[in-house]
Protein backbone atom coordinates (compact mmCIF):
# COMPACT_ATOMS: atom_id res chain seq x y z
CA MET A 1 -32.73 -11.21 36.99
CA GLY A 2 -29.52 -12.81 37.18
CA CYS A 3 -29.58 -14.34 33.70
CA PHE A 4 -30.69 -10.94 32.32
CA VAL A 5 -27.59 -9.19 33.98
CA VAL A 6 -25.29 -11.86 32.63
CA MET A 7 -26.69 -11.60 29.13
CA SER A 8 -26.46 -7.78 29.26
CA LEU A 9 -22.81 -7.87 30.23
CA ALA A 10 -22.07 -10.16 27.38
CA ALA A 11 -23.85 -8.03 24.97
CA CYS A 12 -21.91 -4.83 26.25
CA ALA A 13 -18.46 -6.81 26.06
CA PRO A 14 -16.26 -5.62 23.21
CA ASN A 15 -15.85 -8.02 20.25
CA PRO A 16 -12.14 -8.54 19.89
CA GLU A 17 -12.36 -9.05 16.04
CA THR A 18 -14.47 -5.97 15.63
CA ALA A 19 -11.69 -3.93 17.69
CA ARG A 20 -9.01 -5.54 15.40
CA GLN A 21 -10.80 -4.68 12.25
CA ARG A 22 -11.41 -1.14 13.51
CA ALA A 23 -7.75 -0.72 14.27
CA LEU A 24 -6.79 -2.05 11.04
CA ASN A 25 -8.95 0.45 9.21
CA THR A 26 -7.69 3.37 11.40
CA ARG A 27 -4.18 2.47 10.60
CA LEU A 28 -4.67 2.12 6.81
CA ASP A 29 -6.76 5.41 6.74
CA SER A 30 -3.86 7.19 8.56
CA LEU A 31 -1.37 5.95 5.98
CA VAL A 32 -3.37 6.72 2.85
CA GLU A 33 -4.45 10.15 4.08
CA LYS A 34 -0.95 11.12 4.91
CA GLY A 35 -0.05 10.42 1.37
CA LEU A 36 -3.14 12.85 0.39
CA SER A 37 -1.57 15.63 2.67
CA GLU A 38 1.83 15.34 1.03
CA LYS A 39 0.36 15.40 -2.35
CA ALA A 40 1.78 12.10 -3.35
CA TYR A 41 -1.55 11.75 -5.09
CA ALA A 42 -4.92 13.53 -5.69
CA GLY A 43 -6.78 10.44 -4.70
CA ALA A 44 -6.63 6.67 -3.90
CA VAL A 45 -8.70 3.55 -3.56
CA LEU A 46 -7.37 1.03 -1.27
CA LEU A 47 -8.92 -2.63 -1.08
CA VAL A 48 -7.72 -5.60 1.08
CA ALA A 49 -9.28 -8.99 0.92
CA ARG A 50 -8.67 -12.12 2.92
CA ARG A 51 -9.93 -15.55 2.32
CA GLY A 52 -12.48 -14.32 -0.24
CA GLU A 53 -13.84 -11.37 2.05
CA VAL A 54 -13.11 -7.68 1.65
CA ILE A 55 -11.84 -6.47 4.97
CA HIS A 56 -11.18 -2.95 3.92
CA GLU A 57 -12.30 -1.03 0.77
CA LYS A 58 -12.35 2.82 0.72
CA ALA A 59 -11.88 5.81 -1.44
CA TYR A 60 -9.84 8.75 -0.49
CA GLY A 61 -9.32 12.31 -2.09
CA TYR A 62 -10.38 13.22 -5.66
CA GLY A 63 -10.50 11.62 -9.12
CA ARG A 64 -9.62 14.89 -10.42
CA LYS A 65 -8.71 18.25 -8.97
CA TYR A 66 -7.11 20.29 -11.80
CA SER A 67 -7.45 21.55 -15.38
CA PHE A 68 -4.38 22.10 -17.56
CA ASP A 69 -1.56 24.18 -16.02
CA HIS A 70 -2.64 23.12 -12.57
CA ILE A 71 -5.52 25.25 -12.26
CA PRO A 72 -7.84 23.97 -9.42
CA LEU A 73 -11.31 22.93 -10.71
CA LYS A 74 -14.18 24.88 -9.41
CA ARG A 75 -15.96 21.58 -8.67
CA LEU A 76 -13.69 18.89 -7.64
CA GLU A 77 -14.47 15.25 -8.69
CA PRO A 78 -14.50 12.88 -5.55
CA MET A 79 -12.88 9.40 -5.72
CA THR A 80 -15.16 6.57 -5.20
CA VAL A 81 -14.68 2.87 -4.68
CA ASP A 82 -16.15 2.41 -8.32
CA THR A 83 -13.69 4.92 -10.01
CA LEU A 84 -11.92 3.70 -12.99
CA PHE A 85 -8.07 3.76 -13.08
CA ASP A 86 -5.64 3.73 -15.92
CA VAL A 87 -3.71 0.72 -14.48
CA ALA A 88 -0.74 1.24 -16.89
CA SER A 89 1.56 -1.62 -16.78
CA MET A 90 -0.62 -3.88 -14.58
CA THR A 91 -2.10 -4.45 -18.14
CA LYS A 92 0.87 -6.71 -18.52
CA PRO A 93 -0.56 -9.42 -15.75
CA PHE A 94 -4.31 -8.56 -15.86
CA ALA A 95 -4.78 -8.41 -19.60
CA THR A 96 -1.85 -9.93 -21.55
CA THR A 97 -0.44 -12.78 -19.23
CA TYR A 98 -3.87 -13.71 -18.62
CA GLY A 99 -4.44 -13.90 -22.49
CA ILE A 100 -1.64 -16.06 -22.88
CA MET A 101 -2.56 -18.37 -20.01
CA LEU A 102 -5.86 -19.13 -21.81
CA LEU A 103 -4.25 -19.90 -25.06
CA VAL A 104 -1.70 -22.14 -23.34
CA ASP A 105 -4.42 -23.69 -21.43
CA ARG A 106 -6.30 -24.42 -24.52
CA GLY A 107 -3.44 -25.77 -26.35
CA GLN A 108 -3.27 -23.10 -28.81
CA ILE A 109 0.27 -21.64 -27.74
CA GLU A 110 3.43 -23.58 -26.38
CA LEU A 111 5.39 -21.40 -23.84
CA ASP A 112 8.66 -22.76 -25.17
CA ALA A 113 7.87 -22.48 -28.80
CA PRO A 114 9.72 -19.90 -30.91
CA LEU A 115 7.94 -16.56 -31.26
CA SER A 116 8.50 -16.69 -34.90
CA ARG A 117 5.90 -19.58 -34.99
CA TYR A 118 3.25 -17.00 -34.09
CA ILE A 119 4.95 -13.59 -35.60
CA PRO A 120 7.12 -14.74 -38.55
CA LEU A 121 8.75 -11.21 -38.56
CA PHE A 122 11.13 -12.48 -35.68
CA ASP A 123 12.38 -15.42 -37.86
CA ARG A 124 15.64 -13.43 -38.30
CA GLY A 125 19.21 -13.71 -36.62
CA GLY A 126 19.29 -14.19 -32.80
CA LYS A 127 15.62 -13.32 -32.66
CA ARG A 128 14.82 -16.89 -33.75
CA ASP A 129 15.74 -18.02 -30.09
CA ILE A 130 13.13 -16.02 -28.52
CA THR A 131 10.16 -17.96 -26.87
CA ILE A 132 7.03 -17.04 -25.37
CA ARG A 133 8.56 -17.90 -22.06
CA HIS A 134 11.36 -15.35 -22.53
CA LEU A 135 8.90 -12.65 -23.16
CA LEU A 136 6.88 -13.35 -20.23
CA ARG A 137 9.98 -13.35 -18.19
CA HIS A 138 11.40 -10.29 -19.74
CA ARG A 139 14.53 -12.35 -20.90
CA ALA A 140 13.93 -11.88 -24.63
CA GLY A 141 16.92 -9.46 -25.00
CA LEU A 142 14.58 -6.73 -26.40
CA TYR A 143 15.06 -3.06 -25.42
CA PRO A 144 12.92 -1.83 -22.34
CA TRP A 145 11.39 0.97 -24.24
CA LYS A 146 11.41 3.04 -27.33
CA PRO A 147 9.41 5.69 -28.55
CA VAL A 148 7.65 3.51 -31.28
CA TYR A 149 5.39 6.34 -32.24
CA TYR A 150 8.63 8.25 -33.72
CA HIS A 151 8.61 5.51 -36.39
CA THR A 152 5.01 4.31 -37.08
CA ALA A 153 1.49 5.02 -36.46
CA ASP A 154 0.00 1.50 -36.36
CA ARG A 155 0.42 -1.84 -34.83
CA LYS A 156 1.42 -3.60 -37.94
CA GLY A 157 4.35 -1.05 -38.49
CA ALA A 158 5.26 -1.33 -34.68
CA ALA A 159 5.57 -5.07 -35.11
CA SER A 160 8.07 -4.52 -38.05
CA TYR A 161 9.99 -1.88 -36.27
CA ILE A 162 10.68 -3.87 -33.05
CA ALA A 163 11.51 -6.81 -35.22
CA SER A 164 14.10 -4.74 -37.02
CA LEU A 165 15.92 -3.51 -33.84
CA PRO A 166 19.04 -5.19 -32.75
CA LEU A 167 18.78 -7.33 -29.58
CA GLN A 168 20.12 -5.39 -26.51
CA CYS A 169 21.58 -8.60 -25.14
CA PRO A 170 21.70 -12.37 -26.16
CA VAL A 171 18.18 -14.03 -25.66
CA GLY A 172 17.95 -15.46 -22.22
CA ALA A 173 21.13 -13.80 -20.89
CA GLU A 174 19.68 -11.00 -18.72
CA TYR A 175 16.54 -9.60 -17.29
CA HIS A 176 15.36 -6.36 -18.89
CA TYR A 177 11.84 -5.42 -18.02
CA SER A 178 10.57 -4.57 -21.59
CA ASP A 179 7.40 -2.85 -22.75
CA LEU A 180 8.44 -3.93 -26.29
CA GLY A 181 8.20 -7.55 -25.23
CA PHE A 182 4.60 -7.37 -23.97
CA MET A 183 3.47 -5.46 -26.99
CA ILE A 184 4.65 -8.44 -28.90
CA LEU A 185 2.75 -10.59 -26.78
CA GLY A 186 -0.47 -8.78 -27.37
CA TYR A 187 0.25 -9.32 -31.19
CA VAL A 188 0.58 -12.86 -30.56
CA ILE A 189 -2.78 -13.20 -28.85
CA GLU A 190 -4.26 -11.49 -31.74
CA SER A 191 -2.55 -13.71 -34.21
CA VAL A 192 -3.35 -16.82 -32.62
CA SER A 193 -6.97 -16.06 -31.55
CA GLY A 194 -8.03 -14.19 -34.61
CA MET A 195 -9.27 -11.48 -32.74
CA PRO A 196 -8.38 -7.85 -31.48
CA LEU A 197 -6.79 -8.08 -27.98
CA ASP A 198 -9.76 -6.38 -26.19
CA ARG A 199 -12.37 -8.55 -27.67
CA TYR A 200 -10.39 -11.71 -26.98
CA LEU A 201 -10.19 -10.73 -23.35
CA SER A 202 -13.59 -9.28 -22.90
CA GLU A 203 -15.44 -12.51 -24.41
CA ASN A 204 -13.04 -14.97 -22.69
CA LEU A 205 -12.17 -13.57 -19.42
CA TYR A 206 -13.68 -10.55 -18.32
CA ALA A 207 -17.45 -11.12 -19.22
CA PRO A 208 -17.27 -14.80 -17.88
CA LEU A 209 -16.18 -13.35 -14.72
CA GLY A 210 -18.81 -10.62 -14.61
CA LEU A 211 -16.44 -7.84 -14.58
CA LYS A 212 -18.44 -4.76 -15.90
CA ARG A 213 -15.90 -1.80 -15.31
CA THR A 214 -12.76 -3.51 -16.89
CA SER A 215 -11.87 -2.53 -20.46
CA PHE A 216 -9.58 -0.66 -22.95
CA ARG A 217 -10.89 2.71 -24.18
CA PRO A 218 -13.47 3.11 -21.58
CA LEU A 219 -14.80 6.48 -23.07
CA GLU A 220 -15.92 4.61 -26.20
CA ARG A 221 -17.96 2.27 -23.82
CA GLY A 222 -19.70 5.16 -22.15
CA PHE A 223 -18.01 4.96 -18.70
CA THR A 224 -17.70 7.81 -16.36
CA GLY A 225 -16.15 8.30 -13.04
CA ILE A 226 -12.67 7.83 -14.43
CA ALA A 227 -9.47 9.06 -12.44
CA ALA A 228 -7.57 11.82 -14.25
CA THR A 229 -3.73 11.18 -14.87
CA SER A 230 -1.21 13.48 -16.12
CA GLN A 231 -1.31 16.93 -17.76
CA GLY A 232 -0.35 15.89 -21.25
CA ASN A 233 2.79 13.53 -21.31
CA PRO A 234 5.65 15.68 -19.78
CA PHE A 235 7.54 12.92 -18.19
CA GLU A 236 7.58 10.49 -21.46
CA GLN A 237 8.33 13.89 -23.58
CA ARG A 238 11.52 14.40 -21.42
CA MET A 239 12.30 10.69 -21.66
CA VAL A 240 12.70 11.26 -25.53
CA THR A 241 14.11 14.83 -25.77
CA ASP A 242 16.63 14.94 -22.55
CA ASP A 243 19.44 12.68 -22.80
CA THR A 244 20.53 13.50 -19.29
CA PHE A 245 17.04 12.07 -17.88
CA GLY A 246 18.46 8.67 -18.10
CA PHE A 247 16.64 7.42 -21.41
CA THR A 248 19.28 7.67 -24.27
CA CYS A 249 17.26 8.03 -27.42
CA ASP A 250 18.45 8.54 -30.98
CA GLU A 251 15.34 10.22 -32.10
CA LYS A 252 15.43 13.77 -32.90
CA ALA A 253 13.16 15.90 -30.67
CA ASP A 254 11.25 17.88 -33.18
CA VAL A 255 10.36 15.08 -35.44
CA PHE A 256 7.27 14.18 -33.45
CA GLN A 257 4.57 16.98 -32.85
CA GLY A 258 1.70 15.10 -31.40
CA TRP A 259 2.27 15.68 -27.73
CA ARG A 260 -0.98 15.99 -25.91
CA ARG A 261 -1.82 19.33 -24.16
CA HIS A 262 -4.70 18.42 -21.86
CA ILE A 263 -5.84 16.55 -18.85
CA LEU A 264 -5.70 12.88 -19.59
CA LYS A 265 -8.89 11.26 -18.31
CA GLY A 266 -10.12 7.95 -19.81
CA GLU A 267 -7.44 8.07 -22.43
CA VAL A 268 -4.35 5.86 -21.95
CA ASN A 269 -1.36 7.59 -20.51
CA ASP A 270 1.26 5.54 -22.22
CA GLY A 271 2.47 7.15 -25.56
CA ASN A 272 3.08 3.96 -27.48
CA SER A 273 -0.41 2.44 -26.40
CA PHE A 274 -2.13 5.65 -27.29
CA TYR A 275 -0.49 6.87 -30.47
CA VAL A 276 0.32 3.51 -32.08
CA HIS A 277 -2.22 1.25 -30.70
CA ARG A 278 -5.29 3.45 -30.09
CA GLY A 279 -5.39 2.61 -26.60
CA ILE A 280 -5.28 -1.20 -26.99
CA ALA A 281 -1.83 -2.68 -26.26
CA GLY A 282 -0.26 -5.71 -24.54
CA HIS A 283 1.85 -3.38 -22.22
CA ALA A 284 -0.67 -0.69 -21.25
CA GLY A 285 -4.22 0.60 -22.06
CA LEU A 286 -6.52 -1.31 -19.59
CA PHE A 287 -8.69 0.42 -17.10
CA SER A 288 -10.17 -1.13 -14.19
CA THR A 289 -11.48 -0.87 -10.67
CA ALA A 290 -10.14 -2.26 -7.40
CA ALA A 291 -13.19 -4.49 -7.00
CA ASP A 292 -12.64 -6.03 -10.65
CA LEU A 293 -9.10 -6.45 -10.08
CA ARG A 294 -9.66 -8.40 -6.73
CA ILE A 295 -11.68 -10.92 -8.74
CA LEU A 296 -8.81 -11.52 -11.25
CA ALA A 297 -6.58 -11.97 -8.44
CA GLU A 298 -8.87 -14.28 -6.61
CA VAL A 299 -8.88 -16.57 -9.56
CA LEU A 300 -5.19 -17.02 -9.16
CA ILE A 301 -5.44 -17.77 -5.53
CA ASP A 302 -8.36 -20.16 -6.26
CA ARG A 303 -6.04 -22.13 -8.85
CA GLY A 304 -7.94 -20.93 -11.96
CA THR A 305 -11.60 -21.14 -10.40
CA TYR A 306 -14.22 -18.56 -9.64
CA ARG A 307 -17.62 -19.33 -7.81
CA GLY A 308 -17.19 -22.95 -8.75
CA ARG A 309 -16.36 -22.50 -12.40
CA THR A 310 -13.13 -23.14 -13.92
CA ILE A 311 -11.65 -20.37 -15.98
CA ILE A 312 -7.95 -21.79 -16.25
CA SER A 313 -6.82 -25.16 -15.11
CA PRO A 314 -4.90 -25.42 -11.97
CA GLU A 315 -1.78 -26.75 -13.75
CA THR A 316 -1.57 -23.69 -15.99
CA VAL A 317 -1.93 -21.18 -13.08
CA LYS A 318 0.62 -23.17 -11.21
CA THR A 319 3.04 -23.03 -14.35
CA PHE A 320 2.64 -19.31 -14.51
CA LEU A 321 3.31 -18.76 -10.66
CA ILE A 322 6.49 -20.59 -10.34
CA PRO A 323 9.28 -18.08 -9.92
CA ASN A 324 12.57 -18.60 -11.45
CA GLU A 325 15.96 -18.13 -9.73
CA PHE A 326 15.76 -14.44 -10.44
CA GLY A 327 12.32 -14.09 -8.78
CA ASN A 328 10.32 -13.72 -11.82
CA GLY A 329 7.07 -15.64 -12.61
CA LEU A 330 5.41 -15.65 -16.07
CA GLY A 331 4.18 -12.17 -16.17
CA TRP A 332 4.27 -11.57 -12.47
CA SER A 333 7.19 -10.44 -10.13
CA PHE A 334 7.91 -12.36 -6.83
CA ARG A 335 10.83 -10.04 -5.83
CA PRO A 336 10.16 -8.46 -2.62
CA GLU A 337 12.18 -5.33 -3.33
CA VAL A 338 10.23 -4.76 -6.52
CA ILE A 339 6.76 -5.39 -5.40
CA MET A 340 7.40 -3.73 -2.01
CA ALA A 341 6.78 -7.02 -0.16
CA GLN A 342 9.76 -7.27 2.23
CA GLY A 343 8.70 -9.72 5.10
CA ALA A 344 6.01 -11.29 3.14
CA PRO A 345 5.52 -15.14 3.08
CA ALA A 346 7.35 -17.05 0.30
CA GLY A 347 5.23 -17.26 -2.98
CA THR A 348 3.97 -13.50 -2.61
CA PHE A 349 3.71 -11.91 -6.19
CA GLY A 350 2.44 -8.71 -7.48
CA HIS A 351 3.02 -5.89 -9.98
CA THR A 352 3.03 -2.12 -10.03
CA GLY A 353 1.80 0.50 -12.83
CA PHE A 354 3.46 3.79 -13.70
CA THR A 355 0.18 5.69 -13.01
CA GLY A 356 0.47 4.90 -9.32
CA CYS A 357 -1.27 1.50 -9.02
CA ASN A 358 -0.12 -1.70 -7.51
CA VAL A 359 -1.27 -5.14 -6.64
CA LEU A 360 0.06 -7.75 -4.15
CA VAL A 361 -1.13 -11.29 -3.75
CA VAL A 362 -0.25 -13.22 -0.79
CA PRO A 363 -1.27 -16.95 -1.47
CA ASP A 364 0.00 -18.27 1.96
CA ARG A 365 -2.45 -15.72 3.70
CA GLU A 366 -5.29 -15.92 0.95
CA SER A 367 -4.75 -12.24 1.09
CA ILE A 368 -4.84 -9.35 -1.79
CA VAL A 369 -3.84 -5.81 -1.58
CA ILE A 370 -4.79 -3.30 -4.24
CA PHE A 371 -3.77 0.19 -3.91
CA LEU A 372 -4.72 2.43 -6.84
CA THR A 373 -3.88 6.24 -7.01
CA ASN A 374 -3.71 9.00 -9.50
CA ARG A 375 -0.40 10.03 -8.44
CA GLN A 376 0.52 11.76 -12.03
CA HIS A 377 -2.41 14.19 -11.57
CA GLU A 378 -0.50 16.10 -8.73
CA GLY A 379 2.13 17.01 -11.33
CA LEU A 380 5.93 16.56 -11.58
CA THR A 381 8.37 16.86 -8.54
CA GLU A 382 11.12 19.17 -8.60
CA SER A 383 13.43 16.39 -10.00
CA GLY A 384 11.12 15.86 -12.78
CA GLY A 385 9.51 12.61 -11.72
CA TYR A 386 6.17 11.87 -10.21
CA PRO A 387 5.93 11.21 -6.57
CA GLY A 388 7.24 7.85 -5.16
CA LEU A 389 5.04 5.68 -3.49
CA ASN A 390 7.26 2.77 -2.43
CA ASP A 391 7.53 3.63 1.29
CA LEU A 392 3.80 3.82 1.53
CA ARG A 393 3.21 0.58 -0.37
CA ARG A 394 5.64 -1.24 1.94
CA GLU A 395 4.04 0.11 5.04
CA ILE A 396 0.40 -0.83 3.99
CA VAL A 397 1.79 -4.31 3.46
CA ARG A 398 3.35 -4.54 6.60
CA VAL A 399 0.18 -3.32 8.30
CA VAL A 400 -2.00 -5.84 6.48
CA LEU A 401 0.23 -8.84 7.17
CA ALA A 402 0.28 -7.83 11.07
CA PHE A 403 -3.39 -8.04 11.05
């Protein structure tokens, strides 16, 4: 009888780890739900993994709430953990950077080789000094952004247009985050591999990893359950047409008449990707889920392996994940103030996407935080931008690191 009593008491005793896990989930839920109540986004998916195990994975809110002109739908579309997101500039690390890594690992690209070796259009003037490494570090001297679709309607014309632009600053002299640089890296992958960017990545990365919901142009693949983004392109249209908005453009506002006038769902939000590259570009266009992105991040934590299979050599992974004196790796940022990782251990890296997505990898803790939202779907704020998420991102990271 005494033995029975002891066993019963033990069985009834709270499990400290379970209590801690429950507290973590409750705190994270509270943070994300606060963002929903403030209409910082229509919906979100938050995934946290540690040492290869998912410790938090939950969907919140809605994948789509509105038709055009912010009219509420009669039947709202719930967010799920399998919802596909337009990850915007997270295309840079999870598609293009990975593509360059594979080609470097296979000896088909040299990081310090001149860009002109792979794209002869850049064998001119100061652009002869641009290397693949410069592009990956955003130090090639290229402009951050231009409305390329004002000048051409295809990728061949885009390469020629970018090559014709003057450098904004001498090669290697300054850091300027550049969409144009990653467009060019996409062309490098295609030139060297002899394959379209999406096909190369599918056959050499996504399929070998078993990723079934990561792709460009998801509608063509029959995917459903996709988070809606913006109502047309009001922000980008203002970038071009309003010089007081902070993006000085020489283009005349009425030259381009192709602005979209519908809810974007399953078609890339970024104009240069959509109009010029038909949704497949080195800087934007990838769609993915939190679960698939976790696997891609795990490969980096595990030094290029996944389930015992080598995808990329440990030496190549290490090369790409060494930050320079400015806190930039190759394709990834290590700067805490950029990735909202203040207080995180050294070596933490990540990336954000304009649509409202971000990923953070903490190798020291073998931890991954993936926060995907459709912040654009709630519309522009009074200032003409989209809701800011940095404070929330920073708090999520703080809570996870304290666990």
